[in-house]
Amino acid sequence: MLANFRGLNIKHKEERIKKLFDELQDLFPNTNVDQKRHKIPELFRFLKVLSKILLSFSLFVLTVFASVPFFMKFYSLLTSNDIKMAMFYTIQWRPENNALFFLIYLQQIVYSLTGLIFLNRNDTLYCICFELICKLYEVIAHDLRNLKNQHELGILIENHEKLLELTSKFDEVFCVGNLLNILLSILAMSVGLIQVLATESFEMKIKYAVCFLVLIPQVFILSFWGDKVEKASESIAKAAYDRWKIEDDKKMKTSLQLILIRSQRPQRLTGYKFIKLSCGTFTAVIKTAYSYYTLLMTVHEND
């Protein structure tokens, strides 16, 4: 459900996202000299590596999910008349129904692959988008510290204003999916922890362990880049303060003061304005999931 919702959300906002990326591209340095000075080529190499890491992780999760039930159940299928399908299905098997086994097994793989493709696509887009935004904050902060005249400052003020607006717009694109991701992760992890610890079935333990493999990195990705964007936006105020000089004229000081005022309130990524995404969010999700787990276990024991 989470994968489908996030995938449809991005598809619905595809044209808007393209326009936002075009606006984001306009803020990057144009000349080769400026791009090398700000290490833009290194940034794109990093993004390529990051995309490959996220894809490799998704393939790893799919491999674990697909291979464990297959190898465990394939042997049982050949030696027993009473077979239960691993993971999602509970079916009584007979030797002559081997074809049906493989059809349902293939269905599992297709559904899992589709979900992981949606999740990987969304996570990769999320990481690339906000890594680019963080880099632009870094570029503005660097140019602000090395400011030479009022004309350059005027350009930086304009770029900073556009970047603040773009950060908010990108947050609006992802915020609903972020909120759903956090809430479902808390619910799934608390229930999954009960299943992992309470069940004696190794197959069930594997099922929910794979669930943890997907959910925990997802929450970490949301939290990590939320924290990074917040710190990157705060760096503008420090850069403006470092650039402040007594000998500057009144107009220069007024312009720097404008940037300082704008930067006092850092940009934050949210879960539909209800949850602020930061590294603290990651630990809070883990703690909340564990709290719900202990509550559910207490209720279960009392019953």
C-alpha atoms as a PDB file:
ATOM      1  CA  MET A   1       0.000   0.000   0.000  1.00  0.00           C
ATOM      2  CA  LEU A   2       2.790   2.410   0.924  1.00  0.00           C
ATOM      3  CA  ALA A   3       4.675   1.707  -2.305  1.00  0.00           C
ATOM      4  CA  ASN A   4       1.553   2.152  -4.429  1.00  0.00           C
ATOM      5  CA  PHE A   5       0.537   5.388  -2.727  1.00  0.00           C
ATOM      6  CA  ARG A   6       3.983   6.958  -2.969  1.00  0.00           C
ATOM      7  CA  GLY A   7       4.333   5.815  -6.568  1.00  0.00           C
ATOM      8  CA  LEU A   8       0.943   7.225  -7.585  1.00  0.00           C
ATOM      9  CA  ASN A   9       1.664  10.438  -5.682  1.00  0.00           C
ATOM     10  CA  ILE A  10       4.862  11.022  -7.659  1.00  0.00           C
ATOM     11  CA  LYS A  11       3.145  10.084 -10.919  1.00  0.00           C
ATOM     12  CA  HIS A  12       0.308  12.518 -10.216  1.00  0.00           C
ATOM     13  CA  LYS A  13       2.803  15.329  -9.548  1.00  0.00           C
ATOM     14  CA  GLU A  14       5.241  14.389 -12.318  1.00  0.00           C
ATOM     15  CA  GLU A  15       4.817  17.558 -14.386  1.00  0.00           C
ATOM     16  CA  ARG A  16       5.144  19.751 -11.316  1.00  0.00           C
ATOM     17  CA  ILE A  17       8.313  17.928 -10.266  1.00  0.00           C
ATOM     18  CA  LYS A  18       9.850  18.427 -13.732  1.00  0.00           C
ATOM     19  CA  LYS A  19       9.165  22.164 -13.553  1.00  0.00           C
ATOM     20  CA  LEU A  20      10.688  22.362 -10.081  1.00  0.00           C
ATOM     21  CA  PHE A  21      13.831  20.566 -11.267  1.00  0.00           C
ATOM     22  CA  ASP A  22      14.108  23.002 -14.179  1.00  0.00           C
ATOM     23  CA  GLU A  23      13.958  25.897 -11.706  1.00  0.00           C
ATOM     24  CA  LEU A  24      16.513  24.126  -9.528  1.00  0.00           C
ATOM     25  CA  GLN A  25      18.857  23.695 -12.493  1.00  0.00           C
ATOM     26  CA  ASP A  26      18.750  27.433 -13.205  1.00  0.00           C
ATOM     27  CA  LEU A  27      20.277  28.126  -9.781  1.00  0.00           C
ATOM     28  CA  PHE A  28      23.388  26.003 -10.362  1.00  0.00           C
ATOM     29  CA  PRO A  29      26.631  27.587 -11.616  1.00  0.00           C
ATOM     30  CA  ASN A  30      26.780  27.680 -15.418  1.00  0.00           C
ATOM     31  CA  THR A  31      30.484  27.954 -16.242  1.00  0.00           C
ATOM     32  CA  ASN A  32      32.932  25.063 -15.981  1.00  0.00           C
ATOM     33  CA  VAL A  33      35.180  27.118 -13.712  1.00  0.00           C
ATOM     34  CA  ASP A  34      32.386  27.793 -11.234  1.00  0.00           C
ATOM     35  CA  GLN A  35      31.200  24.188 -11.351  1.00  0.00           C
ATOM     36  CA  LYS A  36      34.681  22.884 -10.587  1.00  0.00           C
ATOM     37  CA  ARG A  37      35.143  25.436  -7.810  1.00  0.00           C
ATOM     38  CA  HIS A  38      31.929  24.294  -6.148  1.00  0.00           C
ATOM     39  CA  LYS A  39      32.677  20.597  -6.870  1.00  0.00           C
ATOM     40  CA  ILE A  40      29.518  20.070  -8.923  1.00  0.00           C
ATOM     41  CA  PRO A  41      31.015  17.153 -10.953  1.00  0.00           C
ATOM     42  CA  GLU A  42      31.850  15.378  -7.685  1.00  0.00           C
ATOM     43  CA  LEU A  43      28.253  15.887  -6.574  1.00  0.00           C
ATOM     44  CA  PHE A  44      26.844  14.165  -9.657  1.00  0.00           C
ATOM     45  CA  ARG A  45      29.292  11.281  -9.268  1.00  0.00           C
ATOM     46  CA  PHE A  46      28.120  10.904  -5.680  1.00  0.00           C
ATOM     47  CA  LEU A  47      24.472  10.891  -6.784  1.00  0.00           C
ATOM     48  CA  LYS A  48      25.199   8.125  -9.297  1.00  0.00           C
ATOM     49  CA  VAL A  49      26.860   6.029  -6.588  1.00  0.00           C
ATOM     50  CA  LEU A  50      23.975   6.731  -4.214  1.00  0.00           C
ATOM     51  CA  SER A  51      21.438   5.622  -6.836  1.00  0.00           C
ATOM     52  CA  LYS A  52      23.356   2.379  -7.377  1.00  0.00           C
ATOM     53  CA  ILE A  53      23.510   1.733  -3.619  1.00  0.00           C
ATOM     54  CA  LEU A  54      19.753   2.210  -3.240  1.00  0.00           C
ATOM     55  CA  LEU A  55      19.084  -0.053  -6.222  1.00  0.00           C
ATOM     56  CA  SER A  56      21.475  -2.720  -4.923  1.00  0.00           C
ATOM     57  CA  PHE A  57      19.781  -2.642  -1.530  1.00  0.00           C
ATOM     58  CA  SER A  58      16.348  -3.104  -3.128  1.00  0.00           C
ATOM     59  CA  LEU A  59      17.631  -6.067  -5.130  1.00  0.00           C
ATOM     60  CA  PHE A  60      19.157  -7.533  -1.964  1.00  0.00           C
ATOM     61  CA  VAL A  61      15.826  -7.282  -0.115  1.00  0.00           C
ATOM     62  CA  LEU A  62      14.015  -8.876  -3.053  1.00  0.00           C
ATOM     63  CA  THR A  63      16.577 -11.687  -3.184  1.00  0.00           C
ATOM     64  CA  VAL A  64      16.182 -12.423   0.528  1.00  0.00           C
ATOM     65  CA  PHE A  65      12.406 -12.312   0.259  1.00  0.00           C
ATOM     66  CA  ALA A  66      12.306 -14.529  -2.810  1.00  0.00           C
ATOM     67  CA  SER A  67      15.029 -17.062  -2.107  1.00  0.00           C
ATOM     68  CA  VAL A  68      14.344 -18.074   1.499  1.00  0.00           C
ATOM     69  CA  PRO A  69      10.739 -19.269   1.000  1.00  0.00           C
ATOM     70  CA  PHE A  70      11.637 -20.877  -2.298  1.00  0.00           C
ATOM     71  CA  PHE A  71      14.497 -23.010  -1.040  1.00  0.00           C
ATOM     72  CA  MET A  72      12.708 -23.916   2.187  1.00  0.00           C
ATOM     73  CA  LYS A  73       9.435 -24.825   0.528  1.00  0.00           C
ATOM     74  CA  PHE A  74      10.756 -26.413  -2.610  1.00  0.00           C
ATOM     75  CA  TYR A  75      12.231 -29.266  -0.612  1.00  0.00           C
ATOM     76  CA  SER A  76       9.006 -29.685   1.386  1.00  0.00           C
ATOM     77  CA  LEU A  77       6.972 -29.610  -1.796  1.00  0.00           C
ATOM     78  CA  LEU A  78       8.854 -32.603  -3.145  1.00  0.00           C
ATOM     79  CA  THR A  79       8.728 -34.631   0.072  1.00  0.00           C
ATOM     80  CA  SER A  80       5.368 -33.812   1.721  1.00  0.00           C
ATOM     81  CA  ASN A  81       1.687 -33.881   0.826  1.00  0.00           C
ATOM     82  CA  ASP A  82       0.803 -31.089   3.268  1.00  0.00           C
ATOM     83  CA  ILE A  83       2.613 -27.920   2.283  1.00  0.00           C
ATOM     84  CA  LYS A  84       1.977 -24.344   3.383  1.00  0.00           C
ATOM     85  CA  MET A  85       2.951 -21.526   1.116  1.00  0.00           C
ATOM     86  CA  ALA A  86       5.512 -19.277   2.746  1.00  0.00           C
ATOM     87  CA  MET A  87       5.089 -15.586   3.418  1.00  0.00           C
ATOM     88  CA  PHE A  88       1.621 -14.432   2.352  1.00  0.00           C
ATOM     89  CA  TYR A  89      -0.405 -17.549   1.641  1.00  0.00           C
ATOM     90  CA  THR A  90      -1.565 -20.611   3.576  1.00  0.00           C
ATOM     91  CA  ILE A  91      -2.555 -23.331   1.130  1.00  0.00           C
ATOM     92  CA  GLN A  92      -2.806 -27.130   1.364  1.00  0.00           C
ATOM     93  CA  TRP A  93      -0.667 -28.594  -1.377  1.00  0.00           C
ATOM     94  CA  ARG A  94      -0.621 -31.892  -3.182  1.00  0.00           C
ATOM     95  CA  PRO A  95       2.193 -33.142  -5.410  1.00  0.00           C
ATOM     96  CA  GLU A  96       0.093 -32.691  -8.541  1.00  0.00           C
ATOM     97  CA  ASN A  97      -0.343 -28.973  -7.746  1.00  0.00           C
ATOM     98  CA  ASN A  98       3.292 -28.021  -8.284  1.00  0.00           C
ATOM     99  CA  ALA A  99       2.349 -25.708 -11.151  1.00  0.00           C
ATOM    100  CA  LEU A 100      -0.016 -23.775  -8.894  1.00  0.00           C
ATOM    101  CA  PHE A 101       2.743 -23.428  -6.327  1.00  0.00           C
ATOM    102  CA  PHE A 102       5.060 -21.804  -8.853  1.00  0.00           C
ATOM    103  CA  LEU A 103       2.307 -19.546 -10.187  1.00  0.00           C
ATOM    104  CA  ILE A 104       1.567 -18.147  -6.730  1.00  0.00           C
ATOM    105  CA  TYR A 105       5.267 -17.973  -5.943  1.00  0.00           C
ATOM    106  CA  LEU A 106       5.798 -15.997  -9.168  1.00  0.00           C
ATOM    107  CA  GLN A 107       2.903 -13.736  -8.182  1.00  0.00           C
ATOM    108  CA  GLN A 108       4.683 -12.984  -4.895  1.00  0.00           C
ATOM    109  CA  ILE A 109       7.859 -12.056  -6.721  1.00  0.00           C
ATOM    110  CA  VAL A 110       6.061  -9.807  -9.227  1.00  0.00           C
ATOM    111  CA  TYR A 111       4.149  -7.956  -6.500  1.00  0.00           C
ATOM    112  CA  SER A 112       7.272  -7.593  -4.368  1.00  0.00           C
ATOM    113  CA  LEU A 113       9.343  -6.396  -7.318  1.00  0.00           C
ATOM    114  CA  THR A 114       6.680  -3.839  -8.265  1.00  0.00           C
ATOM    115  CA  GLY A 115       6.534  -2.503  -4.719  1.00  0.00           C
ATOM    116  CA  LEU A 116      10.307  -2.285  -4.418  1.00  0.00           C
ATOM    117  CA  ILE A 117      10.557  -0.498  -7.778  1.00  0.00           C
ATOM    118  CA  PHE A 118       8.080   2.129  -6.574  1.00  0.00           C
ATOM    119  CA  LEU A 119       9.886   2.523  -3.249  1.00  0.00           C
ATOM    120  CA  ASN A 120      13.321   2.661  -4.863  1.00  0.00           C
ATOM    121  CA  ARG A 121      12.127   5.221  -7.421  1.00  0.00           C
ATOM    122  CA  ASN A 122      10.673   7.446  -4.720  1.00  0.00           C
ATOM    123  CA  ASP A 123      13.637   7.118  -2.358  1.00  0.00           C
ATOM    124  CA  THR A 124      16.120   7.858  -5.145  1.00  0.00           C
ATOM    125  CA  LEU A 125      14.145  10.902  -6.282  1.00  0.00           C
ATOM    126  CA  TYR A 126      13.852  12.124  -2.683  1.00  0.00           C
ATOM    127  CA  CYS A 127      17.596  11.755  -2.021  1.00  0.00           C
ATOM    128  CA  ILE A 128      18.677  13.364  -5.305  1.00  0.00           C
ATOM    129  CA  CYS A 129      16.257  16.256  -4.946  1.00  0.00           C
ATOM    130  CA  PHE A 130      17.282  17.292  -1.455  1.00  0.00           C
ATOM    131  CA  GLU A 131      20.975  16.566  -1.984  1.00  0.00           C
ATOM    132  CA  LEU A 132      20.866  19.069  -4.862  1.00  0.00           C
ATOM    133  CA  ILE A 133      19.090  21.576  -2.620  1.00  0.00           C
ATOM    134  CA  CYS A 134      21.713  21.120   0.107  1.00  0.00           C
ATOM    135  CA  LYS A 135      24.446  21.712  -2.468  1.00  0.00           C
ATOM    136  CA  LEU A 136      22.807  24.958  -3.577  1.00  0.00           C
ATOM    137  CA  TYR A 137      22.715  26.188   0.019  1.00  0.00           C
ATOM    138  CA  GLU A 138      26.407  25.321   0.215  1.00  0.00           C
ATOM    139  CA  VAL A 139      27.108  27.244  -3.019  1.00  0.00           C
ATOM    140  CA  ILE A 140      25.273  30.341  -1.754  1.00  0.00           C
ATOM    141  CA  ALA A 141      27.077  30.171   1.600  1.00  0.00           C
ATOM    142  CA  HIS A 142      30.466  29.868  -0.142  1.00  0.00           C
ATOM    143  CA  ASP A 143      29.776  32.785  -2.496  1.00  0.00           C
ATOM    144  CA  LEU A 144      28.465  34.846   0.398  1.00  0.00           C
ATOM    145  CA  ARG A 145      31.721  34.449   2.322  1.00  0.00           C
ATOM    146  CA  ASN A 146      33.715  35.469  -0.763  1.00  0.00           C
ATOM    147  CA  LEU A 147      31.452  38.365  -1.706  1.00  0.00           C
ATOM    148  CA  LYS A 148      33.104  41.285  -3.526  1.00  0.00           C
ATOM    149  CA  ASN A 149      30.429  43.822  -4.414  1.00  0.00           C
ATOM    150  CA  GLN A 150      26.781  44.785  -4.093  1.00  0.00           C
ATOM    151  CA  HIS A 151      25.866  43.358  -7.514  1.00  0.00           C
ATOM    152  CA  GLU A 152      26.989  39.856  -6.505  1.00  0.00           C
ATOM    153  CA  LEU A 153      25.099  40.202  -3.233  1.00  0.00           C
ATOM    154  CA  GLY A 154      21.914  41.123  -5.104  1.00  0.00           C
ATOM    155  CA  ILE A 155      22.180  37.941  -7.183  1.00  0.00           C
ATOM    156  CA  LEU A 156      22.765  35.849  -4.054  1.00  0.00           C
ATOM    157  CA  ILE A 157      19.738  37.374  -2.313  1.00  0.00           C
ATOM    158  CA  GLU A 158      17.576  36.555  -5.320  1.00  0.00           C
ATOM    159  CA  ASN A 159      18.932  32.987  -5.549  1.00  0.00           C
ATOM    160  CA  HIS A 160      18.466  32.478  -1.820  1.00  0.00           C
ATOM    161  CA  GLU A 161      14.839  33.587  -2.030  1.00  0.00           C
ATOM    162  CA  LYS A 162      14.197  31.228  -4.961  1.00  0.00           C
ATOM    163  CA  LEU A 163      15.885  28.353  -3.148  1.00  0.00           C
ATOM    164  CA  LEU A 164      13.779  28.856  -0.020  1.00  0.00           C
ATOM    165  CA  GLU A 165      10.661  28.771  -2.171  1.00  0.00           C
ATOM    166  CA  LEU A 166      11.814  25.656  -4.043  1.00  0.00           C
ATOM    167  CA  THR A 167      12.595  23.853  -0.789  1.00  0.00           C
ATOM    168  CA  SER A 168       9.054  24.506   0.430  1.00  0.00           C
ATOM    169  CA  LYS A 169       7.554  23.373  -2.880  1.00  0.00           C
ATOM    170  CA  PHE A 170       9.538  20.136  -2.920  1.00  0.00           C
ATOM    171  CA  ASP A 171       8.472  19.506   0.674  1.00  0.00           C
ATOM    172  CA  GLU A 172       4.844  19.881  -0.446  1.00  0.00           C
ATOM    173  CA  VAL A 173       5.440  17.216  -3.099  1.00  0.00           C
ATOM    174  CA  PHE A 174       6.749  14.638  -0.634  1.00  0.00           C
ATOM    175  CA  CYS A 175       5.081  15.601   2.670  1.00  0.00           C
ATOM    176  CA  VAL A 176       1.949  13.406   2.413  1.00  0.00           C
ATOM    177  CA  GLY A 177       4.009  10.346   1.471  1.00  0.00           C
ATOM    178  CA  ASN A 178       6.441  11.133   4.284  1.00  0.00           C
ATOM    179  CA  LEU A 179       3.642  11.244   6.859  1.00  0.00           C
ATOM    180  CA  LEU A 180       2.139   7.972   5.649  1.00  0.00           C
ATOM    181  CA  ASN A 181       5.586   6.384   5.609  1.00  0.00           C
ATOM    182  CA  ILE A 182       6.291   7.365   9.223  1.00  0.00           C
ATOM    183  CA  LEU A 183       2.876   6.278  10.563  1.00  0.00           C
ATOM    184  CA  LEU A 184       2.828   2.943   8.735  1.00  0.00           C
ATOM    185  CA  SER A 185       6.435   2.270   9.737  1.00  0.00           C
ATOM    186  CA  ILE A 186       5.579   2.717  13.419  1.00  0.00           C
ATOM    187  CA  LEU A 187       2.573   0.413  13.109  1.00  0.00           C
ATOM    188  CA  ALA A 188       4.349  -2.223  11.017  1.00  0.00           C
ATOM    189  CA  MET A 189       7.468  -2.287  13.199  1.00  0.00           C
ATOM    190  CA  SER A 190       5.515  -2.627  16.454  1.00  0.00           C
ATOM    191  CA  VAL A 191       3.338  -5.460  15.103  1.00  0.00           C
ATOM    192  CA  GLY A 192       6.279  -7.015  13.273  1.00  0.00           C
ATOM    193  CA  LEU A 193       8.389  -7.074  16.423  1.00  0.00           C
ATOM    194  CA  ILE A 194       5.666  -9.063  18.177  1.00  0.00           C
ATOM    195  CA  GLN A 195       5.598 -11.564  15.324  1.00  0.00           C
ATOM    196  CA  VAL A 196       9.374 -11.936  15.217  1.00  0.00           C
ATOM    197  CA  LEU A 197       9.670 -12.547  18.964  1.00  0.00           C
ATOM    198  CA  ALA A 198       6.429 -14.434  19.581  1.00  0.00           C
ATOM    199  CA  THR A 199       6.182 -16.816  16.632  1.00  0.00           C
ATOM    200  CA  GLU A 200       8.082 -20.082  16.497  1.00  0.00           C
ATOM    201  CA  SER A 201       7.865 -20.274  12.724  1.00  0.00           C
ATOM    202  CA  PHE A 202      11.173 -19.461  11.085  1.00  0.00           C
ATOM    203  CA  GLU A 203       9.320 -18.499   7.909  1.00  0.00           C
ATOM    204  CA  MET A 204       7.285 -15.873   9.766  1.00  0.00           C
ATOM    205  CA  LYS A 205      10.425 -14.505  11.385  1.00  0.00           C
ATOM    206  CA  ILE A 206      12.000 -14.110   7.948  1.00  0.00           C
ATOM    207  CA  LYS A 207       8.860 -12.426   6.624  1.00  0.00           C
ATOM    208  CA  TYR A 208       8.859  -9.715   9.262  1.00  0.00           C
ATOM    209  CA  ALA A 209      12.645  -9.402   9.276  1.00  0.00           C
ATOM    210  CA  VAL A 210      12.421  -8.472   5.585  1.00  0.00           C
ATOM    211  CA  CYS A 211       9.756  -5.929   6.529  1.00  0.00           C
ATOM    212  CA  PHE A 212      12.228  -4.355   8.968  1.00  0.00           C
ATOM    213  CA  LEU A 213      14.894  -4.375   6.244  1.00  0.00           C
ATOM    214  CA  VAL A 214      12.641  -2.169   4.116  1.00  0.00           C
ATOM    215  CA  LEU A 215      11.071   0.127   6.719  1.00  0.00           C
ATOM    216  CA  ILE A 216      14.053   1.094   8.884  1.00  0.00           C
ATOM    217  CA  PRO A 217      16.241   2.355   5.981  1.00  0.00           C
ATOM    218  CA  GLN A 218      13.226   4.238   4.600  1.00  0.00           C
ATOM    219  CA  VAL A 219      12.675   6.114   7.854  1.00  0.00           C
ATOM    220  CA  PHE A 220      16.418   6.777   8.085  1.00  0.00           C
ATOM    221  CA  ILE A 221      16.507   8.246   4.562  1.00  0.00           C
ATOM    222  CA  LEU A 222      13.617  10.608   5.321  1.00  0.00           C
ATOM    223  CA  SER A 223      15.174  11.674   8.616  1.00  0.00           C
ATOM    224  CA  PHE A 224      18.759  12.025   7.384  1.00  0.00           C
ATOM    225  CA  TRP A 225      17.985  14.339   4.466  1.00  0.00           C
ATOM    226  CA  GLY A 226      15.480  16.273   6.543  1.00  0.00           C
ATOM    227  CA  ASP A 227      18.247  16.964   9.047  1.00  0.00           C
ATOM    228  CA  LYS A 228      20.726  17.775   6.275  1.00  0.00           C
ATOM    229  CA  VAL A 229      18.409  20.319   4.613  1.00  0.00           C
ATOM    230  CA  GLU A 230      17.787  22.042   7.943  1.00  0.00           C
ATOM    231  CA  LYS A 231      21.508  22.377   8.696  1.00  0.00           C
ATOM    232  CA  ALA A 232      22.281  23.488   5.128  1.00  0.00           C
ATOM    233  CA  SER A 233      19.702  26.283   5.294  1.00  0.00           C
ATOM    234  CA  GLU A 234      21.085  27.394   8.671  1.00  0.00           C
ATOM    235  CA  SER A 235      24.575  27.708   7.169  1.00  0.00           C
ATOM    236  CA  ILE A 236      23.460  30.767   5.167  1.00  0.00           C
ATOM    237  CA  ALA A 237      23.000  32.831   8.330  1.00  0.00           C
ATOM    238  CA  LYS A 238      26.473  31.896   9.563  1.00  0.00           C
ATOM    239  CA  ALA A 239      28.005  32.753   6.179  1.00  0.00           C
ATOM    240  CA  ALA A 240      26.297  36.164   6.167  1.00  0.00           C
ATOM    241  CA  TYR A 241      27.518  36.814   9.708  1.00  0.00           C
ATOM    242  CA  ASP A 242      31.088  35.819   8.769  1.00  0.00           C
ATOM    243  CA  ARG A 243      30.984  38.180   5.775  1.00  0.00           C
ATOM    244  CA  TRP A 244      29.790  41.177   7.850  1.00  0.00           C
ATOM    245  CA  LYS A 245      32.478  43.910   7.883  1.00  0.00           C
ATOM    246  CA  ILE A 246      32.520  47.274   9.593  1.00  0.00           C
ATOM    247  CA  GLU A 247      33.894  49.014   6.497  1.00  0.00           C
ATOM    248  CA  ASP A 248      30.988  47.874   4.289  1.00  0.00           C
ATOM    249  CA  ASP A 249      28.631  50.609   3.119  1.00  0.00           C
ATOM    250  CA  LYS A 250      25.108  50.942   4.472  1.00  0.00           C
ATOM    251  CA  LYS A 251      23.460  49.290   1.466  1.00  0.00           C
ATOM    252  CA  MET A 252      25.708  46.230   1.751  1.00  0.00           C
ATOM    253  CA  LYS A 253      24.986  45.904   5.475  1.00  0.00           C
ATOM    254  CA  THR A 254      21.241  46.237   4.901  1.00  0.00           C
ATOM    255  CA  SER A 255      21.315  43.490   2.275  1.00  0.00           C
ATOM    256  CA  LEU A 256      23.334  41.179   4.522  1.00  0.00           C
ATOM    257  CA  GLN A 257      20.900  41.875   7.322  1.00  0.00           C
ATOM    258  CA  LEU A 258      18.047  40.801   5.030  1.00  0.00           C
ATOM    259  CA  ILE A 259      19.719  37.431   4.433  1.00  0.00           C
ATOM    260  CA  LEU A 260      20.356  37.043   8.163  1.00  0.00           C
ATOM    261  CA  ILE A 261      16.688  37.635   8.928  1.00  0.00           C
ATOM    262  CA  ARG A 262      15.524  35.166   6.276  1.00  0.00           C
ATOM    263  CA  SER A 263      17.937  32.509   7.506  1.00  0.00           C
ATOM    264  CA  GLN A 264      16.913  32.721  11.149  1.00  0.00           C
ATOM    265  CA  ARG A 265      14.085  30.293  10.440  1.00  0.00           C
ATOM    266  CA  PRO A 266      15.685  27.196   8.861  1.00  0.00           C
ATOM    267  CA  GLN A 267      13.907  25.216   6.169  1.00  0.00           C
ATOM    268  CA  ARG A 268      12.521  21.905   7.402  1.00  0.00           C
ATOM    269  CA  LEU A 269      11.145  18.857   5.654  1.00  0.00           C
ATOM    270  CA  THR A 270       7.936  17.599   7.179  1.00  0.00           C
ATOM    271  CA  GLY A 271       5.360  14.859   7.255  1.00  0.00           C
ATOM    272  CA  TYR A 272       2.452  17.026   6.098  1.00  0.00           C
ATOM    273  CA  LYS A 273       3.433  19.698   8.662  1.00  0.00           C
ATOM    274  CA  PHE A 274       2.673  17.290  11.530  1.00  0.00           C
ATOM    275  CA  ILE A 275       6.146  15.771  11.847  1.00  0.00           C
ATOM    276  CA  LYS A 276       9.478  17.537  11.462  1.00  0.00           C
ATOM    277  CA  LEU A 277      11.977  15.242   9.758  1.00  0.00           C
ATOM    278  CA  SER A 278      15.401  15.125  11.395  1.00  0.00           C
ATOM    279  CA  CYS A 279      17.774  12.570  12.890  1.00  0.00           C
ATOM    280  CA  GLY A 280      15.737  12.871  16.070  1.00  0.00           C
ATOM    281  CA  THR A 281      12.709  11.662  14.107  1.00  0.00           C
ATOM    282  CA  PHE A 282      14.466   8.379  13.339  1.00  0.00           C
ATOM    283  CA  THR A 283      15.132   7.592  16.994  1.00  0.00           C
ATOM    284  CA  ALA A 284      11.628   8.792  17.916  1.00  0.00           C
ATOM    285  CA  VAL A 285      10.067   6.359  15.422  1.00  0.00           C
ATOM    286  CA  ILE A 286      12.086   3.445  16.827  1.00  0.00           C
ATOM    287  CA  LYS A 287      11.161   4.385  20.408  1.00  0.00           C
ATOM    288  CA  THR A 288       7.483   4.842  19.545  1.00  0.00           C
ATOM    289  CA  ALA A 289       7.348   1.496  17.732  1.00  0.00           C
ATOM    290  CA  TYR A 290       8.906  -0.204  20.759  1.00  0.00           C
ATOM    291  CA  SER A 291       6.443   1.546  23.087  1.00  0.00           C
ATOM    292  CA  TYR A 292       3.492   0.272  21.044  1.00  0.00           C
ATOM    293  CA  TYR A 293       5.083  -3.178  21.033  1.00  0.00           C
ATOM    294  CA  THR A 294       5.274  -3.268  24.840  1.00  0.00           C
ATOM    295  CA  LEU A 295       1.693  -1.977  25.067  1.00  0.00           C
ATOM    296  CA  LEU A 296       0.383  -4.649  22.695  1.00  0.00           C
ATOM    297  CA  MET A 297       2.314  -7.361  24.512  1.00  0.00           C
ATOM    298  CA  THR A 298       0.873  -6.214  27.843  1.00  0.00           C
ATOM    299  CA  VAL A 299      -2.683  -6.278  26.472  1.00  0.00           C
ATOM    300  CA  HIS A 300      -2.074  -9.712  24.939  1.00  0.00           C
ATOM    301  CA  GLU A 301      -0.712 -11.141  28.198  1.00  0.00           C
ATOM    302  CA  ASN A 302      -3.646  -9.745  30.192  1.00  0.00           C
ATOM    303  CA  ASP A 303      -6.082 -11.407  27.790  1.00  0.00           C
END
